[in-house]
Protein backbone atom coordinates (compact mmCIF):
# COMPACT_ATOMS: atom_id res chain seq x y z
CA MET A 1 0.13 -0.14 0.01
CA VAL A 2 1.57 3.23 -1.14
CA VAL A 3 0.29 6.68 0.26
CA THR A 4 1.20 10.05 -0.83
CA ARG A 5 -0.71 13.37 -0.42
CA TRP A 6 -2.53 12.76 -3.65
CA GLY A 7 -3.85 9.28 -2.67
CA CYS A 8 -3.24 5.53 -2.12
CA ARG A 9 -2.34 2.71 -4.55
CA PHE A 10 -3.05 -0.77 -3.22
CA MET A 11 -3.41 -4.00 -5.27
CA GLY A 12 -4.05 -2.19 -8.70
CA HIS A 13 -6.40 0.30 -7.25
CA ASN A 14 -6.30 3.90 -6.71
CA PHE A 15 -8.06 5.39 -3.61
CA PRO A 16 -8.44 8.90 -2.45
CA CYS A 17 -7.32 9.36 1.04
CA SER A 18 -6.68 11.94 3.69
CA VAL A 19 -3.31 12.34 5.52
CA GLY A 20 -2.36 14.53 8.55
CA LYS A 21 -2.97 18.41 8.66
CA GLY A 22 0.87 18.75 9.14
CA GLY A 23 1.18 16.92 5.51
CA ILE A 24 3.70 14.22 5.20
CA SER A 25 6.89 14.59 7.13
CA ALA A 26 10.23 13.00 7.63
CA THR A 27 10.78 14.34 11.02
CA LYS A 28 7.45 13.44 12.72
CA ARG A 29 6.97 14.61 16.24
CA GLU A 30 4.11 14.32 18.83
CA GLY A 31 1.39 16.79 18.02
CA ASP A 32 2.59 18.00 14.77
CA GLY A 33 -0.41 16.45 12.83
CA ALA A 34 2.09 14.89 10.24
CA THR A 35 1.98 11.54 8.74
CA PRO A 36 5.40 9.98 8.97
CA VAL A 37 7.39 9.25 5.71
CA GLY A 38 8.55 5.78 5.66
CA THR A 39 7.74 1.92 5.41
CA HIS A 40 5.39 0.86 8.00
CA SER A 41 3.96 -2.49 8.89
CA ILE A 42 0.39 -3.33 9.54
CA VAL A 43 0.38 -4.89 13.07
CA GLY A 44 -3.27 -4.96 14.10
CA LEU A 45 -6.96 -4.72 13.24
CA LEU A 46 -9.56 -3.30 15.76
CA TYR A 47 -13.17 -3.01 14.99
CA ARG A 48 -16.40 -2.07 17.03
CA PRO A 49 -18.44 -5.36 17.40
CA ASP A 50 -21.64 -3.23 18.43
CA ARG A 51 -21.40 -1.64 14.92
CA LEU A 52 -19.78 -4.13 12.49
CA ALA A 53 -19.29 -7.91 11.98
CA LYS A 54 -15.88 -9.18 12.64
CA PRO A 55 -14.02 -8.12 9.33
CA ALA A 56 -11.15 -10.66 9.60
CA ASP A 57 -10.20 -13.61 11.72
CA TRP A 58 -7.18 -11.50 13.35
CA ALA A 59 -9.38 -8.53 14.32
CA VAL A 60 -9.74 -7.55 17.87
CA PRO A 61 -12.96 -5.87 19.25
CA ILE A 62 -12.87 -2.33 20.62
CA GLY A 63 -14.76 -2.18 23.88
CA PRO A 64 -16.17 0.97 25.74
CA ARG A 65 -13.11 0.97 28.13
CA ASP A 66 -10.54 0.79 25.52
CA LEU A 67 -8.27 3.83 25.02
CA TRP A 68 -4.97 4.61 23.37
CA SER A 69 -2.17 6.31 25.43
CA ASP A 70 -0.58 9.51 23.93
CA ASP A 71 1.16 10.51 27.15
CA GLY A 72 4.83 10.62 26.11
CA SER A 73 5.79 10.87 29.91
CA HIS A 74 4.21 7.47 30.70
CA GLU A 75 5.46 3.91 30.15
CA GLU A 76 2.34 2.91 28.30
CA TYR A 77 2.92 5.56 25.62
CA ASN A 78 1.52 4.64 22.32
CA MET A 79 -0.22 1.59 23.46
CA MET A 80 -3.79 0.33 23.92
CA VAL A 81 -5.01 0.72 27.51
CA ARG A 82 -8.11 0.56 29.49
CA ALA A 83 -10.17 2.93 31.40
CA PRO A 84 -9.72 4.25 33.96
CA TYR A 85 -6.58 5.70 32.76
CA PRO A 86 -5.39 9.02 34.33
CA HIS A 87 -2.90 9.87 31.67
CA SER A 88 -3.33 11.54 28.43
CA HIS A 89 -5.22 9.21 26.04
CA GLU A 90 -7.69 8.98 23.09
CA ARG A 91 -10.86 6.93 23.32
CA LEU A 92 -11.19 4.15 20.65
CA SER A 93 -14.85 3.82 21.26
CA ARG A 94 -16.11 7.00 19.79
CA ALA A 95 -19.42 8.21 19.21
CA ASP A 96 -18.87 8.96 15.59
CA PRO A 97 -17.80 6.21 12.98
CA LEU A 98 -14.03 7.31 12.34
CA TYR A 99 -12.82 4.41 14.63
CA ASP A 100 -15.47 1.63 13.95
CA LEU A 101 -12.72 -0.03 12.03
CA VAL A 102 -9.03 0.77 12.60
CA ILE A 103 -5.92 -0.83 11.02
CA LEU A 104 -2.96 -0.35 13.27
CA THR A 105 0.69 0.29 12.10
CA ASN A 106 3.97 -0.08 13.71
CA TRP A 107 4.79 3.63 13.72
CA ASN A 108 6.87 4.23 17.08
CA TRP A 109 5.70 0.79 18.19
CA PRO A 110 6.32 -1.59 20.34
CA TYR A 111 9.11 0.33 21.77
CA ALA A 112 7.96 4.13 21.66
CA VAL A 113 10.21 6.85 21.57
CA LYS A 114 9.15 9.80 23.53
CA GLY A 115 8.06 12.81 21.40
CA ARG A 116 8.23 10.78 18.08
CA GLY A 117 4.35 10.78 17.94
CA SER A 118 1.85 8.18 19.06
CA ALA A 119 -0.01 5.83 16.84
CA ILE A 120 -0.70 6.13 13.06
CA PHE A 121 -4.01 4.42 12.44
CA ILE A 122 -5.91 3.76 9.12
CA HIS A 123 -9.31 4.63 9.42
CA ALA A 124 -12.37 6.15 8.09
CA TRP A 125 -12.31 9.75 7.21
CA ARG A 126 -14.43 12.42 8.57
CA LYS A 127 -15.37 13.79 5.09
CA PRO A 128 -13.74 13.60 1.80
CA ARG A 129 -9.94 14.55 1.95
CA HIS A 130 -10.41 16.06 5.17
CA TYR A 131 -7.14 16.09 7.25
CA THR A 132 -6.34 13.88 10.22
CA GLU A 133 -4.05 14.24 13.19
CA GLY A 134 -1.36 12.20 11.31
CA CYS A 135 -3.33 9.07 10.40
CA VAL A 136 -4.37 7.98 6.87
CA ALA A 137 -8.01 7.94 6.42
CA PHE A 138 -10.42 6.54 3.55
CA ARG A 139 -13.88 6.63 2.57
CA PRO A 140 -15.57 3.94 4.51
CA ASP A 141 -16.42 1.45 1.76
CA HIS A 142 -12.74 1.86 0.54
CA LEU A 143 -11.54 1.14 4.08
CA HIS A 144 -13.65 -2.07 4.25
CA TRP A 145 -12.37 -3.04 0.76
CA ILE A 146 -8.75 -2.56 1.99
CA THR A 147 -9.29 -4.26 5.29
CA ARG A 148 -10.41 -7.52 3.62
CA ARG A 149 -7.26 -7.64 1.67
CA VAL A 150 -4.53 -6.65 4.15
CA ARG A 151 -2.76 -9.07 6.42
CA HIS A 152 -0.60 -8.67 9.52
CA GLY A 153 2.79 -7.63 8.02
CA THR A 154 1.39 -5.62 4.82
CA LYS A 155 3.58 -2.82 4.21
CA LEU A 156 2.10 0.93 4.21
CA ILE A 157 4.81 3.09 2.42
CA VAL A 158 4.18 6.68 2.96
CA GLN A 159 6.04 9.04 0.40
CA PRO A 160 6.44 12.74 0.31
């Protein structure tokens, strides 16, 4: 899967996608809103079982207490954690559909470097080409198509 600011190429198809509001950057930092340049691996797949059928045998359900730590000062930085969690985090079980289906990459994971930026997810976009906080986002039907074809270890190549 190759992503540029213009879109994504995957398995002979071209898809429109969104990248971070900070553009695509070779010097990704926490809070810059950039999508990091590089070759990243797909390492997980999360889904909301209250909204979707299990999309693949390796998918893990998102529950109401599931969070993602974005607190660079905590040892669980850039890891999935559970509420109650007193440190800075992002809720995975959102009211909107953006995280109903989430493909996880290995950006700054599993051994996170403080300040390098927390997770880069692949998820549904808010609206066409609307920027993200650094993730890669797709139209929901395109995301579902892609999800049926990615596997653990599939490469996400982000180019400037």
